[in-house]
């Protein structure tokens, strides 16, 4: 990455870049990230899997996948412009 980046040699985002991206997030993006985090935590630390599985029907899964794809495109565009 170019510019005044604090990313390491691995290409990971630095704290400054993360803070800038977080500042650009609206409410829908924050809700999506919160939902994704909930599933990540559950996958890593199984506990209440039944509750999540009742919530995650086909329509819900498609919506989350589509929204996640849109967020990835947005994040990539933000990284390219920085």
PDB file of N, CA and C in Angstrom:
ATOM      1  N   UNK A   1       0.836  -1.185   0.000  1.00  0.00           N
ATOM      2  CA  UNK A   1       0.000   0.000   0.000  1.00  0.00           C
ATOM      3  C   UNK A   1       0.872   1.236   0.000  1.00  0.00           C
ATOM      4  N   UNK A   2       0.374   2.254  -0.616  1.00  0.00           N
ATOM      5  CA  UNK A   2       1.135   3.489  -0.730  1.00  0.00           C
ATOM      6  C   UNK A   2       0.677   4.512   0.293  1.00  0.00           C
ATOM      7  N   UNK A   3       1.387   5.595   0.307  1.00  0.00           N
ATOM      8  CA  UNK A   3       0.951   6.722   1.127  1.00  0.00           C
ATOM      9  C   UNK A   3       1.443   6.632   2.546  1.00  0.00           C
ATOM     10  N   UNK A   4       0.764   7.333   3.418  1.00  0.00           N
ATOM     11  CA  UNK A   4       1.145   7.453   4.810  1.00  0.00           C
ATOM     12  C   UNK A   4       0.493   6.351   5.624  1.00  0.00           C
ATOM     13  N   UNK A   5       0.780   5.122   5.273  1.00  0.00           N
ATOM     14  CA  UNK A   5       0.133   3.964   5.875  1.00  0.00           C
ATOM     15  C   UNK A   5       0.933   3.442   7.046  1.00  0.00           C
ATOM     16  N   UNK A   6       0.226   2.935   8.042  1.00  0.00           N
ATOM     17  CA  UNK A   6       0.928   2.281   9.140  1.00  0.00           C
ATOM     18  C   UNK A   6       0.736   0.773   9.075  1.00  0.00           C
ATOM     19  N   UNK A   7       0.439   0.262   7.883  1.00  0.00           N
ATOM     20  CA  UNK A   7       0.308  -1.181   7.689  1.00  0.00           C
ATOM     21  C   UNK A   7       1.675  -1.816   7.750  1.00  0.00           C
ATOM     22  N   UNK A   8       1.711  -3.010   8.281  1.00  0.00           N
ATOM     23  CA  UNK A   8       2.962  -3.739   8.371  1.00  0.00           C
ATOM     24  C   UNK A   8       3.343  -4.364   7.050  1.00  0.00           C
ATOM     25  N   UNK A   9       4.470  -5.049   7.030  1.00  0.00           N
ATOM     26  CA  UNK A   9       4.959  -5.688   5.823  1.00  0.00           C
ATOM     27  C   UNK A   9       3.998  -6.754   5.318  1.00  0.00           C
ATOM     28  N   UNK A  10       3.163  -7.284   6.197  1.00  0.00           N
ATOM     29  CA  UNK A  10       2.219  -8.323   5.801  1.00  0.00           C
ATOM     30  C   UNK A  10       1.052  -7.762   5.004  1.00  0.00           C
ATOM     31  N   UNK A  11       0.910  -6.434   4.939  1.00  0.00           N
ATOM     32  CA  UNK A  11      -0.201  -5.825   4.234  1.00  0.00           C
ATOM     33  C   UNK A  11      -1.434  -5.659   5.100  1.00  0.00           C
ATOM     34  N   UNK A  12      -1.336  -5.997   6.375  1.00  0.00           N
ATOM     35  CA  UNK A  12      -2.475  -5.835   7.271  1.00  0.00           C
ATOM     36  C   UNK A  12      -2.709  -4.358   7.544  1.00  0.00           C
ATOM     37  N   UNK A  13      -3.948  -4.025   7.859  1.00  0.00           N
ATOM     38  CA  UNK A  13      -4.270  -2.637   8.167  1.00  0.00           C
ATOM     39  C   UNK A  13      -3.672  -2.229   9.492  1.00  0.00           C
ATOM     40  N   UNK A  14      -3.194  -1.000   9.551  1.00  0.00           N
ATOM     41  CA  UNK A  14      -2.715  -0.452  10.803  1.00  0.00           C
ATOM     42  C   UNK A  14      -3.862   0.194  11.555  1.00  0.00           C
ATOM     43  N   UNK A  15      -3.616   0.589  12.784  1.00  0.00           N
ATOM     44  CA  UNK A  15      -4.671   1.179  13.620  1.00  0.00           C
ATOM     45  C   UNK A  15      -5.256   2.440  13.005  1.00  0.00           C
ATOM     46  N   UNK A  16      -4.415   3.266  12.395  1.00  0.00           N
ATOM     47  CA  UNK A  16      -4.907   4.499  11.780  1.00  0.00           C
ATOM     48  C   UNK A  16      -5.844   4.218  10.625  1.00  0.00           C
ATOM     49  N   UNK A  17      -5.507   3.233   9.811  1.00  0.00           N
ATOM     50  CA  UNK A  17      -6.362   2.886   8.676  1.00  0.00           C
ATOM     51  C   UNK A  17      -7.684   2.289   9.138  1.00  0.00           C
ATOM     52  N   UNK A  18      -7.634   1.461  10.164  1.00  0.00           N
ATOM     53  CA  UNK A  18      -8.861   0.871  10.707  1.00  0.00           C
ATOM     54  C   UNK A  18      -9.760   1.977  11.244  1.00  0.00           C
ATOM     55  N   UNK A  19      -9.191   2.923  11.958  1.00  0.00           N
ATOM     56  CA  UNK A  19      -9.981   4.024  12.514  1.00  0.00           C
ATOM     57  C   UNK A  19     -10.635   4.846  11.407  1.00  0.00           C
ATOM     58  N   UNK A  20      -9.922   5.097  10.316  1.00  0.00           N
ATOM     59  CA  UNK A  20     -10.500   5.845   9.202  1.00  0.00           C
ATOM     60  C   UNK A  20     -11.652   5.086   8.565  1.00  0.00           C
ATOM     61  N   UNK A  21     -11.481   3.786   8.375  1.00  0.00           N
ATOM     62  CA  UNK A  21     -12.559   2.980   7.798  1.00  0.00           C
ATOM     63  C   UNK A  21     -13.766   2.927   8.728  1.00  0.00           C
ATOM     64  N   UNK A  22     -13.525   2.781  10.024  1.00  0.00           N
ATOM     65  CA  UNK A  22     -14.631   2.747  10.983  1.00  0.00           C
ATOM     66  C   UNK A  22     -15.428   4.048  10.951  1.00  0.00           C
ATOM     67  N   UNK A  23     -14.733   5.163  10.751  1.00  0.00           N
ATOM     68  CA  UNK A  23     -15.404   6.460  10.711  1.00  0.00           C
ATOM     69  C   UNK A  23     -16.336   6.574   9.510  1.00  0.00           C
ATOM     70  N   UNK A  24     -16.057   5.829   8.456  1.00  0.00           N
ATOM     71  CA  UNK A  24     -16.865   5.867   7.235  1.00  0.00           C
ATOM     72  C   UNK A  24     -18.083   4.954   7.296  1.00  0.00           C
ATOM     73  N   UNK A  25     -18.150   4.067   8.281  1.00  0.00           N
ATOM     74  CA  UNK A  25     -19.235   3.096   8.350  1.00  0.00           C
ATOM     75  C   UNK A  25     -20.531   3.744   8.802  1.00  0.00           C
ATOM     76  N   UNK A  26     -21.602   3.397   8.134  1.00  0.00           N
ATOM     77  CA  UNK A  26     -22.926   3.828   8.554  1.00  0.00           C
ATOM     78  C   UNK A  26     -23.565   2.759   9.428  1.00  0.00           C
ATOM     79  N   UNK A  27     -24.772   3.024   9.856  1.00  0.00           N
ATOM     80  CA  UNK A  27     -25.486   2.083  10.724  1.00  0.00           C
ATOM     81  C   UNK A  27     -25.670   0.710  10.070  1.00  0.00           C
ATOM     82  N   UNK A  28     -26.060   0.617   8.787  1.00  0.00           N
ATOM     83  CA  UNK A  28     -26.242  -0.716   8.192  1.00  0.00           C
ATOM     84  C   UNK A  28     -24.943  -1.533   8.180  1.00  0.00           C
ATOM     85  N   UNK A  29     -23.830  -0.861   7.917  1.00  0.00           N
ATOM     86  CA  UNK A  29     -22.548  -1.570   7.891  1.00  0.00           C
ATOM     87  C   UNK A  29     -22.164  -2.047   9.290  1.00  0.00           C
ATOM     88  N   UNK A  30     -22.429  -1.233  10.281  1.00  0.00           N
ATOM     89  CA  UNK A  30     -22.128  -1.629  11.664  1.00  0.00           C
ATOM     90  C   UNK A  30     -22.989  -2.814  12.099  1.00  0.00           C
ATOM     91  N   UNK A  31     -24.251  -2.826  11.684  1.00  0.00           N
ATOM     92  CA  UNK A  31     -25.142  -3.953  12.005  1.00  0.00           C
ATOM     93  C   UNK A  31     -24.622  -5.219  11.328  1.00  0.00           C
ATOM     94  N   UNK A  32     -24.226  -5.110  10.060  1.00  0.00           N
ATOM     95  CA  UNK A  32     -23.688  -6.278   9.354  1.00  0.00           C
ATOM     96  C   UNK A  32     -22.454  -6.816  10.057  1.00  0.00           C
ATOM     97  N   UNK A  33     -21.521  -5.938  10.403  1.00  0.00           N
ATOM     98  CA  UNK A  33     -20.306  -6.387  11.075  1.00  0.00           C
ATOM     99  C   UNK A  33     -20.616  -7.007  12.434  1.00  0.00           C
ATOM    100  N   UNK A  34     -21.576  -6.466  13.135  1.00  0.00           N
ATOM    101  CA  UNK A  34     -21.981  -7.034  14.417  1.00  0.00           C
ATOM    102  C   UNK A  34     -22.549  -8.440  14.228  1.00  0.00           C
ATOM    103  N   UNK A  35     -23.383  -8.606  13.201  1.00  0.00           N
ATOM    104  CA  UNK A  35     -23.960  -9.923  12.910  1.00  0.00           C
ATOM    105  C   UNK A  35     -22.873 -10.919  12.527  1.00  0.00           C
ATOM    106  N   UNK A  36     -21.956 -10.500  11.658  1.00  0.00           N
ATOM    107  CA  UNK A  36     -20.864 -11.393  11.262  1.00  0.00           C
ATOM    108  C   UNK A  36     -20.004 -11.784  12.459  1.00  0.00           C
ATOM    109  N   UNK A  37     -19.766 -10.831  13.346  1.00  0.00           N
ATOM    110  CA  UNK A  37     -18.967 -11.114  14.543  1.00  0.00           C
ATOM    111  C   UNK A  37     -19.661 -12.141  15.422  1.00  0.00           C
ATOM    112  N   UNK A  38     -20.971 -12.024  15.529  1.00  0.00           N
ATOM    113  CA  UNK A  38     -21.738 -12.987  16.328  1.00  0.00           C
ATOM    114  C   UNK A  38     -21.540 -14.411  15.795  1.00  0.00           C
ATOM    115  N   UNK A  39     -21.580 -14.564  14.481  1.00  0.00           N
ATOM    116  CA  UNK A  39     -21.384 -15.898  13.896  1.00  0.00           C
ATOM    117  C   UNK A  39     -19.937 -16.353  14.020  1.00  0.00           C
ATOM    118  N   UNK A  40     -18.998 -15.438  13.906  1.00  0.00           N
ATOM    119  CA  UNK A  40     -17.591 -15.792  14.063  1.00  0.00           C
ATOM    120  C   UNK A  40     -17.320 -16.311  15.469  1.00  0.00           C
ATOM    121  N   UNK A  41     -17.818 -15.595  16.456  1.00  0.00           N
ATOM    122  CA  UNK A  41     -17.605 -16.010  17.844  1.00  0.00           C
ATOM    123  C   UNK A  41     -18.243 -17.369  18.089  1.00  0.00           C
ATOM    124  N   UNK A  42     -19.451 -17.564  17.570  1.00  0.00           N
ATOM    125  CA  UNK A  42     -20.141 -18.834  17.778  1.00  0.00           C
ATOM    126  C   UNK A  42     -19.397 -19.979  17.092  1.00  0.00           C
ATOM    127  N   UNK A  43     -18.847 -19.726  15.919  1.00  0.00           N
ATOM    128  CA  UNK A  43     -18.099 -20.777  15.218  1.00  0.00           C
ATOM    129  C   UNK A  43     -16.828 -21.131  15.975  1.00  0.00           C
ATOM    130  N   UNK A  44     -16.232 -20.134  16.571  1.00  0.00           N
ATOM    131  CA  UNK A  44     -14.970 -20.360  17.276  1.00  0.00           C
ATOM    132  C   UNK A  44     -15.191 -20.899  18.686  1.00  0.00           C
ATOM    133  N   UNK A  45     -16.246 -20.470  19.313  1.00  0.00           N
ATOM    134  CA  UNK A  45     -16.555 -20.885  20.681  1.00  0.00           C
ATOM    135  C   UNK A  45     -17.994 -21.400  20.733  1.00  0.00           C
ATOM    136  N   UNK A  46     -18.224 -22.623  20.260  1.00  0.00           N
ATOM    137  CA  UNK A  46     -19.592 -23.136  20.195  1.00  0.00           C
ATOM    138  C   UNK A  46     -20.256 -23.154  21.563  1.00  0.00           C
ATOM    139  N   UNK A  47     -21.481 -22.746  21.595  1.00  0.00           N
ATOM    140  CA  UNK A  47     -22.214 -22.741  22.845  1.00  0.00           C
ATOM    141  C   UNK A  47     -23.706 -22.766  22.610  1.00  0.00           C
ATOM    142  N   UNK A  48     -24.208 -21.752  21.944  1.00  0.00           N
ATOM    143  CA  UNK A  48     -25.637 -21.640  21.730  1.00  0.00           C
ATOM    144  C   UNK A  48     -25.929 -21.741  20.232  1.00  0.00           C
ATOM    145  N   UNK A  49     -25.434 -22.785  19.625  1.00  0.00           N
ATOM    146  CA  UNK A  49     -25.553 -22.974  18.180  1.00  0.00           C
ATOM    147  C   UNK A  49     -27.015 -23.070  17.725  1.00  0.00           C
ATOM    148  N   UNK A  50     -27.863 -23.660  18.537  1.00  0.00           N
ATOM    149  CA  UNK A  50     -29.273 -23.829  18.158  1.00  0.00           C
ATOM    150  C   UNK A  50     -29.947 -22.483  17.926  1.00  0.00           C
ATOM    151  N   UNK A  51     -29.651 -21.498  18.774  1.00  0.00           N
ATOM    152  CA  UNK A  51     -30.256 -20.165  18.635  1.00  0.00           C
ATOM    153  C   UNK A  51     -29.856 -19.537  17.303  1.00  0.00           C
ATOM    154  N   UNK A  52     -28.588 -19.636  16.948  1.00  0.00           N
ATOM    155  CA  UNK A  52     -28.122 -19.062  15.688  1.00  0.00           C
ATOM    156  C   UNK A  52     -28.686 -19.815  14.493  1.00  0.00           C
ATOM    157  N   UNK A  53     -28.785 -21.129  14.590  1.00  0.00           N
ATOM    158  CA  UNK A  53     -29.259 -21.908  13.449  1.00  0.00           C
ATOM    159  C   UNK A  53     -30.731 -21.638  13.155  1.00  0.00           C
ATOM    160  N   UNK A  54     -31.535 -21.315  14.158  1.00  0.00           N
ATOM    161  CA  UNK A  54     -32.937 -20.984  13.889  1.00  0.00           C
ATOM    162  C   UNK A  54     -33.051 -19.628  13.207  1.00  0.00           C
ATOM    163  N   UNK A  55     -32.129 -18.747  13.475  1.00  0.00           N
ATOM    164  CA  UNK A  55     -32.114 -17.422  12.859  1.00  0.00           C
ATOM    165  C   UNK A  55     -31.592 -17.451  11.435  1.00  0.00           C
ATOM    166  N   UNK A  56     -30.762 -18.413  11.138  1.00  0.00           N
ATOM    167  CA  UNK A  56     -30.026 -18.439   9.870  1.00  0.00           C
ATOM    168  C   UNK A  56     -30.710 -19.364   8.859  1.00  0.00           C
ATOM    169  N   UNK A  57     -31.857 -18.908   8.315  1.00  0.00           N
ATOM    170  CA  UNK A  57     -32.497 -19.673   7.254  1.00  0.00           C
ATOM    171  C   UNK A  57     -31.873 -19.263   5.913  1.00  0.00           C
ATOM    172  N   UNK A  58     -32.358 -19.808   4.836  1.00  0.00           N
ATOM    173  CA  UNK A  58     -31.784 -19.522   3.518  1.00  0.00           C
ATOM    174  C   UNK A  58     -31.816 -18.063   3.140  1.00  0.00           C
ATOM    175  N   UNK A  59     -32.947 -17.399   3.392  1.00  0.00           N
ATOM    176  CA  UNK A  59     -33.060 -15.976   3.052  1.00  0.00           C
ATOM    177  C   UNK A  59     -32.082 -15.130   3.859  1.00  0.00           C
ATOM    178  N   UNK A  60     -31.983 -15.428   5.147  1.00  0.00           N
ATOM    179  CA  UNK A  60     -31.059 -14.693   6.012  1.00  0.00           C
ATOM    180  C   UNK A  60     -29.620 -14.884   5.531  1.00  0.00           C
ATOM    181  N   UNK A  61     -29.263 -16.131   5.225  1.00  0.00           N
ATOM    182  CA  UNK A  61     -27.899 -16.428   4.774  1.00  0.00           C
ATOM    183  C   UNK A  61     -27.588 -15.716   3.465  1.00  0.00           C
ATOM    184  N   UNK A  62     -28.542 -15.698   2.524  1.00  0.00           N
ATOM    185  CA  UNK A  62     -28.322 -15.004   1.245  1.00  0.00           C
ATOM    186  C   UNK A  62     -28.144 -13.504   1.461  1.00  0.00           C
ATOM    187  N   UNK A  63     -28.959 -12.926   2.324  1.00  0.00           N
ATOM    188  CA  UNK A  63     -28.857 -11.496   2.606  1.00  0.00           C
ATOM    189  C   UNK A  63     -27.502 -11.161   3.217  1.00  0.00           C
ATOM    190  N   UNK A  64     -27.088 -11.940   4.205  1.00  0.00           N
ATOM    191  CA  UNK A  64     -25.789 -11.690   4.845  1.00  0.00           C
ATOM    192  C   UNK A  64     -24.658 -11.845   3.835  1.00  0.00           C
ATOM    193  N   UNK A  65     -24.730 -12.864   2.991  1.00  0.00           N
ATOM    194  CA  UNK A  65     -23.684 -13.083   1.981  1.00  0.00           C
ATOM    195  C   UNK A  65     -23.639 -11.923   0.994  1.00  0.00           C
ATOM    196  N   UNK A  66     -24.806 -11.493   0.499  1.00  0.00           N
ATOM    197  CA  UNK A  66     -24.843 -10.366  -0.445  1.00  0.00           C
ATOM    198  C   UNK A  66     -24.320  -9.087   0.198  1.00  0.00           C
ATOM    199  N   UNK A  67     -24.751  -8.817   1.418  1.00  0.00           N
ATOM    200  CA  UNK A  67     -24.292  -7.620   2.121  1.00  0.00           C
ATOM    201  C   UNK A  67     -22.785  -7.667   2.379  1.00  0.00           C
ATOM    202  N   UNK A  68     -22.288  -8.852   2.699  1.00  0.00           N
ATOM    203  CA  UNK A  68     -20.851  -9.012   2.949  1.00  0.00           C
ATOM    204  C   UNK A  68     -20.056  -8.774   1.672  1.00  0.00           C
ATOM    205  N   UNK A  69     -20.553  -9.288   0.554  1.00  0.00           N
ATOM    206  CA  UNK A  69     -19.871  -9.045  -0.730  1.00  0.00           C
ATOM    207  C   UNK A  69     -19.811  -7.550  -1.036  1.00  0.00           C
ATOM    208  N   UNK A  70     -20.919  -6.843  -0.791  1.00  0.00           N
ATOM    209  CA  UNK A  70     -20.935  -5.398  -1.018  1.00  0.00           C
ATOM    210  C   UNK A  70     -19.927  -4.690  -0.121  1.00  0.00           C
ATOM    211  N   UNK A  71     -19.836  -5.133   1.131  1.00  0.00           N
ATOM    212  CA  UNK A  71     -18.892  -4.503   2.052  1.00  0.00           C
ATOM    213  C   UNK A  71     -17.445  -4.758   1.615  1.00  0.00           C
ATOM    214  N   UNK A  72     -17.153  -5.947   1.122  1.00  0.00           N
ATOM    215  CA  UNK A  72     -15.796  -6.254   0.656  1.00  0.00           C
ATOM    216  C   UNK A  72     -15.428  -5.343  -0.511  1.00  0.00           C
ATOM    217  N   UNK A  73     -16.349  -5.147  -1.443  1.00  0.00           N
ATOM    218  CA  UNK A  73     -16.091  -4.247  -2.574  1.00  0.00           C
ATOM    219  C   UNK A  73     -15.828  -2.833  -2.068  1.00  0.00           C
ATOM    220  N   UNK A  74     -16.648  -2.374  -1.112  1.00  0.00           N
ATOM    221  CA  UNK A  74     -16.454  -1.036  -0.551  1.00  0.00           C
ATOM    222  C   UNK A  74     -15.102  -0.920   0.149  1.00  0.00           C
ATOM    223  N   UNK A  75     -14.774  -1.925   0.976  1.00  0.00           N
ATOM    224  CA  UNK A  75     -13.488  -1.890   1.685  1.00  0.00           C
ATOM    225  C   UNK A  75     -12.318  -1.863   0.713  1.00  0.00           C
ATOM    226  N   UNK A  76     -12.393  -2.679  -0.341  1.00  0.00           N
ATOM    227  CA  UNK A  76     -11.319  -2.678  -1.339  1.00  0.00           C
ATOM    228  C   UNK A  76     -11.188  -1.314  -2.006  1.00  0.00           C
ATOM    229  N   UNK A  77     -12.317  -0.669  -2.291  1.00  0.00           N
ATOM    230  CA  UNK A  77     -12.255   0.656  -2.922  1.00  0.00           C
ATOM    231  C   UNK A  77     -11.637   1.675  -1.964  1.00  0.00           C
ATOM    232  N   UNK A  78     -11.934   1.551  -0.665  1.00  0.00           N
ATOM    233  CA  UNK A  78     -11.357   2.456   0.328  1.00  0.00           C
ATOM    234  C   UNK A  78      -9.849   2.266   0.426  1.00  0.00           C
ATOM    235  N   UNK A  79      -9.417   1.019   0.372  1.00  0.00           N
ATOM    236  CA  UNK A  79      -7.986   0.735   0.466  1.00  0.00           C
ATOM    237  C   UNK A  79      -7.244   1.239  -0.767  1.00  0.00           C
ATOM    238  N   UNK A  80      -7.852   1.117  -1.927  1.00  0.00           N
ATOM    239  CA  UNK A  80      -7.213   1.582  -3.160  1.00  0.00           C
ATOM    240  C   UNK A  80      -7.086   3.094  -3.188  1.00  0.00           C
ATOM    241  N   UNK A  81      -8.050   3.780  -2.568  1.00  0.00           N
ATOM    242  CA  UNK A  81      -8.009   5.246  -2.605  1.00  0.00           C
ATOM    243  C   UNK A  81      -7.165   5.848  -1.501  1.00  0.00           C
ATOM    244  N   UNK A  82      -6.669   5.002  -0.578  1.00  0.00           N
ATOM    245  CA  UNK A  82      -5.854   5.554   0.510  1.00  0.00           C
ATOM    246  C   UNK A  82      -4.390   5.579   0.173  1.00  0.00           C
TER     247      UNK A  82
END
